Amino acid sequence: MIVRTEQMPWMPWAAPGTYCKVLHMDRSHVKTTLMIKVDANTPLGKHQHMGDAEAYLLEDDFVLRTSTPRSSI
């Protein structure tokens, strides 16, 4: 599948200052692939995921603060 992201508008996402482009949605496996853009110094706040989350940072910084202990790998 080819997705031409430059032709897609940024849509408001989970919090003010956050935007997304939906690249793929698989409802049968509860998986969604998004491009996400976050304005500088925008906290996302507490939120939950229906499944695993995977992210690739393309530019700038990202800080993750969690109270959930990480499992050892």
PDB file of N, CA and C in Angstrom:
ATOM      1  N   MET A   1       0.842  -1.169   0.000  1.00  0.00           N
ATOM      2  CA  MET A   1       0.000   0.000   0.000  1.00  0.00           C
ATOM      3  C   MET A   1       0.895   1.242   0.000  1.00  0.00           C
ATOM      4  N   ILE A   2       0.554   2.205  -0.801  1.00  0.00           N
ATOM      5  CA  ILE A   2       1.275   3.476  -0.849  1.00  0.00           C
ATOM      6  C   ILE A   2       0.378   4.549  -0.241  1.00  0.00           C
ATOM      7  N   VAL A   3       0.925   5.285   0.716  1.00  0.00           N
ATOM      8  CA  VAL A   3       0.197   6.384   1.349  1.00  0.00           C
ATOM      9  C   VAL A   3       0.950   7.666   1.047  1.00  0.00           C
ATOM     10  N   ARG A   4       0.307   8.585   0.411  1.00  0.00           N
ATOM     11  CA  ARG A   4       0.942   9.865   0.051  1.00  0.00           C
ATOM     12  C   ARG A   4       0.641  10.880   1.162  1.00  0.00           C
ATOM     13  N   THR A   5       1.495  10.883   2.174  1.00  0.00           N
ATOM     14  CA  THR A   5       1.241  11.694   3.365  1.00  0.00           C
ATOM     15  C   THR A   5       1.254  13.192   3.085  1.00  0.00           C
ATOM     16  N   GLU A   6       1.998  13.611   2.066  1.00  0.00           N
ATOM     17  CA  GLU A   6       2.038  15.046   1.761  1.00  0.00           C
ATOM     18  C   GLU A   6       0.685  15.549   1.265  1.00  0.00           C
ATOM     19  N   GLN A   7      -0.181  14.644   0.833  1.00  0.00           N
ATOM     20  CA  GLN A   7      -1.512  15.025   0.361  1.00  0.00           C
ATOM     21  C   GLN A   7      -2.568  14.930   1.458  1.00  0.00           C
ATOM     22  N   MET A   8      -2.176  14.465   2.642  1.00  0.00           N
ATOM     23  CA  MET A   8      -3.113  14.306   3.761  1.00  0.00           C
ATOM     24  C   MET A   8      -2.983  15.498   4.710  1.00  0.00           C
ATOM     25  N   PRO A   9      -4.098  16.012   5.215  1.00  0.00           N
ATOM     26  CA  PRO A   9      -4.009  17.097   6.192  1.00  0.00           C
ATOM     27  C   PRO A   9      -3.659  16.555   7.583  1.00  0.00           C
ATOM     28  N   TRP A  10      -3.015  17.379   8.402  1.00  0.00           N
ATOM     29  CA  TRP A  10      -2.804  17.040   9.804  1.00  0.00           C
ATOM     30  C   TRP A  10      -4.139  17.227  10.517  1.00  0.00           C
ATOM     31  N   MET A  11      -4.550  16.217  11.281  1.00  0.00           N
ATOM     32  CA  MET A  11      -5.813  16.263  12.026  1.00  0.00           C
ATOM     33  C   MET A  11      -5.519  16.426  13.513  1.00  0.00           C
ATOM     34  N   PRO A  12      -6.379  17.142  14.254  1.00  0.00           N
ATOM     35  CA  PRO A  12      -6.192  17.228  15.703  1.00  0.00           C
ATOM     36  C   PRO A  12      -6.148  15.821  16.299  1.00  0.00           C
ATOM     37  N   TRP A  13      -5.285  15.646  17.304  1.00  0.00           N
ATOM     38  CA  TRP A  13      -5.103  14.308  17.871  1.00  0.00           C
ATOM     39  C   TRP A  13      -5.508  14.279  19.334  1.00  0.00           C
ATOM     40  N   ALA A  14      -4.711  13.690  20.205  1.00  0.00           N
ATOM     41  CA  ALA A  14      -5.094  13.361  21.583  1.00  0.00           C
ATOM     42  C   ALA A  14      -5.157  14.547  22.542  1.00  0.00           C
ATOM     43  N   ALA A  15      -4.441  15.606  22.279  1.00  0.00           N
ATOM     44  CA  ALA A  15      -4.398  16.754  23.197  1.00  0.00           C
ATOM     45  C   ALA A  15      -4.132  18.011  22.377  1.00  0.00           C
ATOM     46  N   PRO A  16      -4.433  19.180  22.936  1.00  0.00           N
ATOM     47  CA  PRO A  16      -4.108  20.422  22.214  1.00  0.00           C
ATOM     48  C   PRO A  16      -2.619  20.462  21.869  1.00  0.00           C
ATOM     49  N   GLY A  17      -2.305  20.868  20.644  1.00  0.00           N
ATOM     50  CA  GLY A  17      -0.912  20.928  20.209  1.00  0.00           C
ATOM     51  C   GLY A  17      -0.399  19.627  19.628  1.00  0.00           C
ATOM     52  N   THR A  18      -1.279  18.619  19.465  1.00  0.00           N
ATOM     53  CA  THR A  18      -0.883  17.348  18.867  1.00  0.00           C
ATOM     54  C   THR A  18      -1.738  17.076  17.629  1.00  0.00           C
ATOM     55  N   TYR A  19      -1.117  16.459  16.622  1.00  0.00           N
ATOM     56  CA  TYR A  19      -1.782  16.241  15.337  1.00  0.00           C
ATOM     57  C   TYR A  19      -1.372  14.875  14.800  1.00  0.00           C
ATOM     58  N   CYS A  20      -2.202  14.302  13.943  1.00  0.00           N
ATOM     59  CA  CYS A  20      -1.857  13.000  13.382  1.00  0.00           C
ATOM     60  C   CYS A  20      -2.342  12.859  11.948  1.00  0.00           C
ATOM     61  N   LYS A  21      -1.749  11.863  11.281  1.00  0.00           N
ATOM     62  CA  LYS A  21      -2.198  11.395   9.978  1.00  0.00           C
ATOM     63  C   LYS A  21      -2.318   9.882  10.116  1.00  0.00           C
ATOM     64  N   VAL A  22      -3.488   9.341   9.845  1.00  0.00           N
ATOM     65  CA  VAL A  22      -3.698   7.899   9.959  1.00  0.00           C
ATOM     66  C   VAL A  22      -3.162   7.236   8.691  1.00  0.00           C
ATOM     67  N   LEU A  23      -2.150   6.382   8.850  1.00  0.00           N
ATOM     68  CA  LEU A  23      -1.541   5.703   7.720  1.00  0.00           C
ATOM     69  C   LEU A  23      -2.198   4.355   7.443  1.00  0.00           C
ATOM     70  N   HIS A  24      -2.601   3.673   8.513  1.00  0.00           N
ATOM     71  CA  HIS A  24      -3.238   2.358   8.364  1.00  0.00           C
ATOM     72  C   HIS A  24      -4.029   2.041   9.620  1.00  0.00           C
ATOM     73  N   MET A  25      -5.175   1.394   9.459  1.00  0.00           N
ATOM     74  CA  MET A  25      -5.984   0.974  10.598  1.00  0.00           C
ATOM     75  C   MET A  25      -6.441  -0.457  10.360  1.00  0.00           C
ATOM     76  N   ASP A  26      -6.125  -1.333  11.315  1.00  0.00           N
ATOM     77  CA  ASP A  26      -6.531  -2.733  11.258  1.00  0.00           C
ATOM     78  C   ASP A  26      -7.419  -2.992  12.468  1.00  0.00           C
ATOM     79  N   ARG A  27      -8.710  -2.843  12.292  1.00  0.00           N
ATOM     80  CA  ARG A  27      -9.659  -2.988  13.408  1.00  0.00           C
ATOM     81  C   ARG A  27      -9.707  -4.419  13.936  1.00  0.00           C
ATOM     82  N   SER A  28      -9.478  -5.414  13.089  1.00  0.00           N
ATOM     83  CA  SER A  28      -9.555  -6.802  13.542  1.00  0.00           C
ATOM     84  C   SER A  28      -8.433  -7.156  14.520  1.00  0.00           C
ATOM     85  N   HIS A  29      -7.289  -6.458  14.434  1.00  0.00           N
ATOM     86  CA  HIS A  29      -6.166  -6.703  15.339  1.00  0.00           C
ATOM     87  C   HIS A  29      -5.906  -5.521  16.272  1.00  0.00           C
ATOM     88  N   VAL A  30      -6.789  -4.548  16.271  1.00  0.00           N
ATOM     89  CA  VAL A  30      -6.679  -3.343  17.104  1.00  0.00           C
ATOM     90  C   VAL A  30      -5.301  -2.701  16.936  1.00  0.00           C
ATOM     91  N   LYS A  31      -4.932  -2.449  15.689  1.00  0.00           N
ATOM     92  CA  LYS A  31      -3.647  -1.818  15.384  1.00  0.00           C
ATOM     93  C   LYS A  31      -3.886  -0.605  14.489  1.00  0.00           C
ATOM     94  N   THR A  32      -3.223   0.471  14.819  1.00  0.00           N
ATOM     95  CA  THR A  32      -3.292   1.682  14.010  1.00  0.00           C
ATOM     96  C   THR A  32      -1.880   2.205  13.825  1.00  0.00           C
ATOM     97  N   THR A  33      -1.573   2.647  12.621  1.00  0.00           N
ATOM     98  CA  THR A  33      -0.282   3.252  12.336  1.00  0.00           C
ATOM     99  C   THR A  33      -0.517   4.725  12.043  1.00  0.00           C
ATOM    100  N   LEU A  34       0.125   5.588  12.821  1.00  0.00           N
ATOM    101  CA  LEU A  34      -0.065   7.031  12.706  1.00  0.00           C
ATOM    102  C   LEU A  34       1.252   7.746  12.490  1.00  0.00           C
ATOM    103  N   MET A  35       1.196   8.883  11.822  1.00  0.00           N
ATOM    104  CA  MET A  35       2.262   9.872  11.882  1.00  0.00           C
ATOM    105  C   MET A  35       1.772  10.889  12.907  1.00  0.00           C
ATOM    106  N   ILE A  36       2.610  11.247  13.835  1.00  0.00           N
ATOM    107  CA  ILE A  36       2.209  12.169  14.898  1.00  0.00           C
ATOM    108  C   ILE A  36       3.140  13.370  14.897  1.00  0.00           C
ATOM    109  N   LYS A  37       2.549  14.542  15.058  1.00  0.00           N
ATOM    110  CA  LYS A  37       3.315  15.791  15.161  1.00  0.00           C
ATOM    111  C   LYS A  37       2.877  16.463  16.459  1.00  0.00           C
ATOM    112  N   VAL A  38       3.854  16.905  17.242  1.00  0.00           N
ATOM    113  CA  VAL A  38       3.566  17.542  18.530  1.00  0.00           C
ATOM    114  C   VAL A  38       4.279  18.880  18.575  1.00  0.00           C
ATOM    115  N   ASP A  39       3.528  19.935  18.892  1.00  0.00           N
ATOM    116  CA  ASP A  39       4.141  21.251  19.045  1.00  0.00           C
ATOM    117  C   ASP A  39       5.164  21.224  20.171  1.00  0.00           C
ATOM    118  N   ALA A  40       6.192  22.054  20.085  1.00  0.00           N
ATOM    119  CA  ALA A  40       7.246  22.108  21.100  1.00  0.00           C
ATOM    120  C   ALA A  40       6.667  22.346  22.486  1.00  0.00           C
ATOM    121  N   ASN A  41       7.238  21.668  23.471  1.00  0.00           N
ATOM    122  CA  ASN A  41       6.875  21.815  24.888  1.00  0.00           C
ATOM    123  C   ASN A  41       5.416  21.479  25.164  1.00  0.00           C
ATOM    124  N   THR A  42       4.840  20.562  24.411  1.00  0.00           N
ATOM    125  CA  THR A  42       3.456  20.152  24.617  1.00  0.00           C
ATOM    126  C   THR A  42       3.417  18.850  25.404  1.00  0.00           C
ATOM    127  N   PRO A  43       2.876  18.878  26.624  1.00  0.00           N
ATOM    128  CA  PRO A  43       2.741  17.624  27.367  1.00  0.00           C
ATOM    129  C   PRO A  43       1.526  16.852  26.856  1.00  0.00           C
ATOM    130  N   LEU A  44       1.677  15.562  26.669  1.00  0.00           N
ATOM    131  CA  LEU A  44       0.552  14.752  26.213  1.00  0.00           C
ATOM    132  C   LEU A  44      -0.349  14.362  27.375  1.00  0.00           C
ATOM    133  N   GLY A  45       0.215  14.219  28.545  1.00  0.00           N
ATOM    134  CA  GLY A  45      -0.585  13.842  29.708  1.00  0.00           C
ATOM    135  C   GLY A  45      -0.845  12.347  29.759  1.00  0.00           C
ATOM    136  N   LYS A  46      -1.504  11.933  30.810  1.00  0.00           N
ATOM    137  CA  LYS A  46      -1.778  10.517  31.032  1.00  0.00           C
ATOM    138  C   LYS A  46      -2.791  10.021  30.004  1.00  0.00           C
ATOM    139  N   HIS A  47      -2.497   8.873  29.407  1.00  0.00           N
ATOM    140  CA  HIS A  47      -3.402   8.274  28.442  1.00  0.00           C
ATOM    141  C   HIS A  47      -3.132   6.775  28.372  1.00  0.00           C
ATOM    142  N   GLN A  48      -4.004   6.046  27.705  1.00  0.00           N
ATOM    143  CA  GLN A  48      -3.860   4.600  27.595  1.00  0.00           C
ATOM    144  C   GLN A  48      -3.854   4.179  26.135  1.00  0.00           C
ATOM    145  N   HIS A  49      -3.286   3.002  25.897  1.00  0.00           N
ATOM    146  CA  HIS A  49      -3.258   2.405  24.571  1.00  0.00           C
ATOM    147  C   HIS A  49      -4.061   1.114  24.605  1.00  0.00           C
ATOM    148  N   MET A  50      -4.729   0.804  23.524  1.00  0.00           N
ATOM    149  CA  MET A  50      -5.469  -0.457  23.421  1.00  0.00           C
ATOM    150  C   MET A  50      -4.523  -1.639  23.224  1.00  0.00           C
ATOM    151  N   GLY A  51      -3.332  -1.375  22.741  1.00  0.00           N
ATOM    152  CA  GLY A  51      -2.341  -2.425  22.494  1.00  0.00           C
ATOM    153  C   GLY A  51      -0.949  -1.835  22.592  1.00  0.00           C
ATOM    154  N   ASP A  52       0.013  -2.487  21.972  1.00  0.00           N
ATOM    155  CA  ASP A  52       1.383  -1.990  21.980  1.00  0.00           C
ATOM    156  C   ASP A  52       1.481  -0.679  21.219  1.00  0.00           C
ATOM    157  N   ALA A  53       2.448   0.136  21.611  1.00  0.00           N
ATOM    158  CA  ALA A  53       2.727   1.392  20.910  1.00  0.00           C
ATOM    159  C   ALA A  53       4.175   1.359  20.441  1.00  0.00           C
ATOM    160  N   GLU A  54       4.374   1.768  19.223  1.00  0.00           N
ATOM    161  CA  GLU A  54       5.717   1.813  18.645  1.00  0.00           C
ATOM    162  C   GLU A  54       5.900   3.188  18.033  1.00  0.00           C
ATOM    163  N   ALA A  55       7.055   3.816  18.287  1.00  0.00           N
ATOM    164  CA  ALA A  55       7.263   5.179  17.801  1.00  0.00           C
ATOM    165  C   ALA A  55       8.656   5.322  17.215  1.00  0.00           C
ATOM    166  N   TYR A  56       8.756   6.150  16.184  1.00  0.00           N
ATOM    167  CA  TYR A  56      10.025   6.522  15.578  1.00  0.00           C
ATOM    168  C   TYR A  56      10.105   8.035  15.629  1.00  0.00           C
ATOM    169  N   LEU A  57      11.097   8.567  16.315  1.00  0.00           N
ATOM    170  CA  LEU A  57      11.273  10.001  16.433  1.00  0.00           C
ATOM    171  C   LEU A  57      12.094  10.493  15.248  1.00  0.00           C
ATOM    172  N   LEU A  58      11.515  11.397  14.473  1.00  0.00           N
ATOM    173  CA  LEU A  58      12.196  11.888  13.276  1.00  0.00           C
ATOM    174  C   LEU A  58      13.003  13.147  13.524  1.00  0.00           C
ATOM    175  N   GLU A  59      12.599  13.961  14.509  1.00  0.00           N
ATOM    176  CA  GLU A  59      13.375  15.159  14.838  1.00  0.00           C
ATOM    177  C   GLU A  59      13.015  15.645  16.234  1.00  0.00           C
ATOM    178  N   ASP A  60      13.887  16.453  16.816  1.00  0.00           N
ATOM    179  CA  ASP A  60      13.719  17.058  18.136  1.00  0.00           C
ATOM    180  C   ASP A  60      13.856  16.040  19.264  1.00  0.00           C
ATOM    181  N   ASP A  61      13.191  16.287  20.397  1.00  0.00           N
ATOM    182  CA  ASP A  61      13.333  15.479  21.607  1.00  0.00           C
ATOM    183  C   ASP A  61      12.000  14.871  22.002  1.00  0.00           C
ATOM    184  N   PHE A  62      12.097  13.784  22.775  1.00  0.00           N
ATOM    185  CA  PHE A  62      10.911  13.137  23.322  1.00  0.00           C
ATOM    186  C   PHE A  62      11.267  12.660  24.720  1.00  0.00           C
ATOM    187  N   VAL A  63      10.439  12.976  25.702  1.00  0.00           N
ATOM    188  CA  VAL A  63      10.669  12.548  27.079  1.00  0.00           C
ATOM    189  C   VAL A  63       9.479  11.707  27.506  1.00  0.00           C
ATOM    190  N   LEU A  64       9.748  10.494  27.993  1.00  0.00           N
ATOM    191  CA  LEU A  64       8.697   9.591  28.470  1.00  0.00           C
ATOM    192  C   LEU A  64       8.825   9.457  29.975  1.00  0.00           C
ATOM    193  N   ARG A  65       7.784   9.817  30.656  1.00  0.00           N
ATOM    194  CA  ARG A  65       7.735   9.633  32.116  1.00  0.00           C
ATOM    195  C   ARG A  65       6.618   8.664  32.399  1.00  0.00           C
ATOM    196  N   THR A  66       6.923   7.585  33.134  1.00  0.00           N
ATOM    197  CA  THR A  66       5.917   6.576  33.436  1.00  0.00           C
ATOM    198  C   THR A  66       6.050   6.114  34.865  1.00  0.00           C
ATOM    199  N   SER A  67       4.925   5.780  35.456  1.00  0.00           N
ATOM    200  CA  SER A  67       4.945   5.208  36.805  1.00  0.00           C
ATOM    201  C   SER A  67       4.862   3.698  36.754  1.00  0.00           C
ATOM    202  N   THR A  68       4.681   3.149  35.559  1.00  0.00           N
ATOM    203  CA  THR A  68       4.594   1.706  35.393  1.00  0.00           C
ATOM    204  C   THR A  68       6.001   1.126  35.302  1.00  0.00           C
ATOM    205  N   PRO A  69       6.325   0.146  36.141  1.00  0.00           N
ATOM    206  CA  PRO A  69       7.662  -0.458  36.045  1.00  0.00           C
ATOM    207  C   PRO A  69       7.856  -1.131  34.694  1.00  0.00           C
ATOM    208  N   ARG A  70       9.048  -0.995  34.153  1.00  0.00           N
ATOM    209  CA  ARG A  70       9.348  -1.631  32.879  1.00  0.00           C
ATOM    210  C   ARG A  70       9.740  -3.094  33.127  1.00  0.00           C
ATOM    211  N   SER A  71       9.276  -3.963  32.279  1.00  0.00           N
ATOM    212  CA  SER A  71       9.668  -5.368  32.414  1.00  0.00           C
ATOM    213  C   SER A  71      11.081  -5.546  31.872  1.00  0.00           C
ATOM    214  N   SER A  72      11.805  -6.490  32.426  1.00  0.00           N
ATOM    215  CA  SER A  72      13.173  -6.727  31.947  1.00  0.00           C
ATOM    216  C   SER A  72      13.114  -7.536  30.659  1.00  0.00           C
ATOM    217  N   ILE A  73      14.053  -7.257  29.792  1.00  0.00           N
ATOM    218  CA  ILE A  73      14.106  -7.936  28.488  1.00  0.00           C
ATOM    219  C   ILE A  73      15.290  -8.861  28.473  1.00  0.00           C
TER     220      ILE A  73
END
